[in-house]
Amino acid sequence: MATQYGSSSSPGTPGVARPTNGHDADSTMGLLRRLMDEITTLFRQEVQLATTEFSRSVSSAKSGVASVATGGAVIFGGFLALLAAAILGLSYVVAPWLAALIVGVVVGIVGYIMLHAGRRKLEPSALKPVHMQESLRRDREVLGRRSRT
């Protein structure tokens, strides 16, 4: 086996080249290749795991949305039945057409109030992340003070 001289010096003799053999260099390259292969394999496995977990989460979310939609439809049907019962009950006191009109106006007013409150919550000023902006401003001030010192 041929002996090569490396450029690094021995600890006790500065400036003197120490011999290195080709086997050390080959094993180092082999270890580096193996390390890169294992990192690549690990990365692929992590991406596959993330993809699998994301798919499961999406499937679970789809199932949840379907359940919520079905429950909402059933509740809406119950609400309509309660409105019909209110109209029928009020028709013993006033004319049936007037009972339907009264219940319709009351439900319309309640719906308008709820709609208006919901729209107000969706305005851009209501969605502004106030706490996060304040936290970022404080962080910027702290970093500014540290960089000056």
Protein backbone atom coordinates (compact mmCIF):
# COMPACT_ATOMS: atom_id res chain seq x y z
CA MET A 1 0.00 0.00 0.00
CA ALA A 2 1.34 3.41 -0.97
CA THR A 3 1.99 6.00 1.70
CA GLN A 4 0.85 9.56 1.07
CA TYR A 5 2.00 12.59 2.97
CA GLY A 6 -0.67 14.86 4.32
CA SER A 7 -0.28 18.57 4.88
CA SER A 8 -1.15 18.46 8.55
CA SER A 9 1.71 18.40 10.98
CA SER A 10 2.25 16.22 14.02
CA PRO A 11 1.49 17.80 17.37
CA GLY A 12 5.09 17.71 18.58
CA THR A 13 6.84 18.75 15.37
CA PRO A 14 5.44 21.86 13.73
CA GLY A 15 5.89 22.11 9.98
CA VAL A 16 6.74 18.41 9.51
CA ALA A 17 4.33 16.46 7.30
CA ARG A 18 2.99 13.24 8.77
CA PRO A 19 2.22 10.25 6.57
CA THR A 20 -1.38 9.22 5.96
CA ASN A 21 -2.43 6.09 4.21
CA GLY A 22 -5.11 5.79 1.52
CA HIS A 23 -7.23 3.56 3.75
CA ASP A 24 -7.98 6.44 6.15
CA ALA A 25 -9.05 8.67 3.26
CA ASP A 26 -11.19 5.89 1.75
CA SER A 27 -12.92 5.17 5.04
CA THR A 28 -13.56 8.88 5.58
CA MET A 29 -15.13 9.19 2.13
CA GLY A 30 -17.11 6.03 2.77
CA LEU A 31 -18.40 7.41 6.05
CA LEU A 32 -19.35 10.68 4.38
CA ARG A 33 -21.20 8.84 1.58
CA ARG A 34 -22.99 6.69 4.14
CA LEU A 35 -23.89 9.77 6.17
CA MET A 36 -25.33 11.50 3.10
CA ASP A 37 -27.28 8.37 2.13
CA GLU A 38 -28.72 8.08 5.63
CA ILE A 39 -29.63 11.79 5.74
CA THR A 40 -31.35 11.46 2.36
CA THR A 41 -33.24 8.37 3.52
CA LEU A 42 -34.25 10.09 6.76
CA PHE A 43 -35.48 13.13 4.86
CA ARG A 44 -37.56 10.99 2.50
CA GLN A 45 -39.06 9.09 5.42
CA GLU A 46 -39.92 12.35 7.22
CA VAL A 47 -41.59 13.74 4.09
CA GLN A 48 -43.56 10.50 3.69
CA LEU A 49 -44.64 10.63 7.34
CA ALA A 50 -45.72 14.26 7.02
CA THR A 51 -47.69 13.44 3.86
CA THR A 52 -49.42 10.51 5.56
CA GLU A 53 -50.29 12.56 8.65
CA PHE A 54 -51.57 15.43 6.51
CA SER A 55 -53.77 13.03 4.53
CA ARG A 56 -55.21 11.61 7.76
CA SER A 57 -55.86 15.12 9.07
CA VAL A 58 -57.65 16.12 5.87
CA SER A 59 -59.78 12.97 5.98
CA SER A 60 -60.67 13.65 9.60
CA ALA A 61 -61.50 17.28 8.79
CA LYS A 62 -63.76 16.18 5.90
CA SER A 63 -65.61 13.83 8.22
CA GLY A 64 -65.98 16.58 10.82
CA VAL A 65 -67.30 19.09 8.27
CA ALA A 66 -69.84 16.55 7.00
CA SER A 67 -71.03 15.89 10.56
CA VAL A 68 -71.34 19.60 11.32
CA ALA A 69 -73.27 20.22 8.07
CA THR A 70 -75.66 17.35 8.77
CA GLY A 71 -76.17 18.50 12.36
CA GLY A 72 -76.82 22.05 11.12
CA ALA A 73 -79.45 20.83 8.68
CA VAL A 74 -81.22 18.85 11.41
CA ILE A 75 -81.14 21.83 13.80
CA PHE A 76 -82.51 24.07 11.03
CA GLY A 77 -85.40 21.64 10.52
CA GLY A 78 -86.12 21.72 14.25
CA PHE A 79 -86.03 25.52 14.22
CA LEU A 80 -88.56 25.61 11.38
CA ALA A 81 -90.85 23.26 13.33
CA LEU A 82 -90.59 25.54 16.37
CA LEU A 83 -91.49 28.55 14.23
CA ALA A 84 -94.51 26.68 12.90
CA ALA A 85 -95.52 25.83 16.46
CA ALA A 86 -95.16 29.50 17.48
CA ILE A 87 -97.38 30.56 14.58
CA LEU A 88 -100.00 27.93 15.42
CA GLY A 89 -99.96 28.86 19.12
CA LEU A 90 -100.25 32.58 18.37
CA SER A 91 -103.13 31.89 15.95
CA TYR A 92 -105.36 31.09 18.94
CA VAL A 93 -104.98 34.69 20.05
CA VAL A 94 -104.95 36.54 16.69
CA ALA A 95 -105.84 35.69 13.10
CA PRO A 96 -103.53 33.03 11.58
CA TRP A 97 -102.18 35.41 8.91
CA LEU A 98 -101.33 37.96 11.62
CA ALA A 99 -99.64 35.26 13.74
CA ALA A 100 -97.44 34.30 10.79
CA LEU A 101 -96.65 37.98 10.14
CA ILE A 102 -95.70 38.65 13.78
CA VAL A 103 -93.44 35.57 14.02
CA GLY A 104 -91.86 36.37 10.63
CA VAL A 105 -91.07 39.98 11.61
CA VAL A 106 -89.62 38.96 14.98
CA VAL A 107 -87.44 36.25 13.42
CA GLY A 108 -86.37 38.67 10.66
CA ILE A 109 -85.32 41.31 13.21
CA VAL A 110 -83.35 38.77 15.27
CA GLY A 111 -81.68 37.50 12.09
CA TYR A 112 -80.76 41.04 11.00
CA ILE A 113 -79.20 41.79 14.40
CA MET A 114 -77.18 38.57 14.28
CA LEU A 115 -76.06 39.25 10.70
CA HIS A 116 -75.01 42.80 11.54
CA ALA A 117 -73.02 41.63 14.59
CA GLY A 118 -71.29 38.96 12.50
CA ARG A 119 -70.35 41.45 9.78
CA ARG A 120 -68.88 43.78 12.39
CA LYS A 121 -66.66 40.96 13.68
CA LEU A 122 -65.37 40.36 10.12
CA GLU A 123 -64.27 43.94 9.50
CA PRO A 124 -60.52 44.30 8.84
CA SER A 125 -59.99 46.34 12.01
CA ALA A 126 -61.51 43.53 14.10
CA LEU A 127 -59.21 40.94 12.51
CA LYS A 128 -56.04 42.94 13.16
CA PRO A 129 -53.58 40.93 15.30
CA VAL A 130 -53.13 43.58 18.00
CA HIS A 131 -51.29 41.42 20.54
CA MET A 132 -48.85 40.07 17.96
CA GLN A 133 -48.07 43.57 16.66
CA GLU A 134 -47.42 44.79 20.19
CA SER A 135 -45.17 41.80 20.91
CA LEU A 136 -43.20 42.37 17.69
CA ARG A 137 -42.81 46.06 18.53
CA ARG A 138 -41.40 45.18 21.98
CA ASP A 139 -39.04 42.58 20.46
CA ARG A 140 -37.79 45.14 17.95
CA GLU A 141 -37.13 47.63 20.76
CA VAL A 142 -35.24 45.04 22.82
CA LEU A 143 -33.12 44.02 19.85
CA GLY A 144 -32.45 47.67 19.04
CA ARG A 145 -31.22 48.31 22.58
CA ARG A 146 -29.02 45.20 22.54
CA SER A 147 -27.44 46.06 19.20
CA ARG A 148 -26.52 49.57 20.47
CA THR A 149 -24.66 48.20 23.50
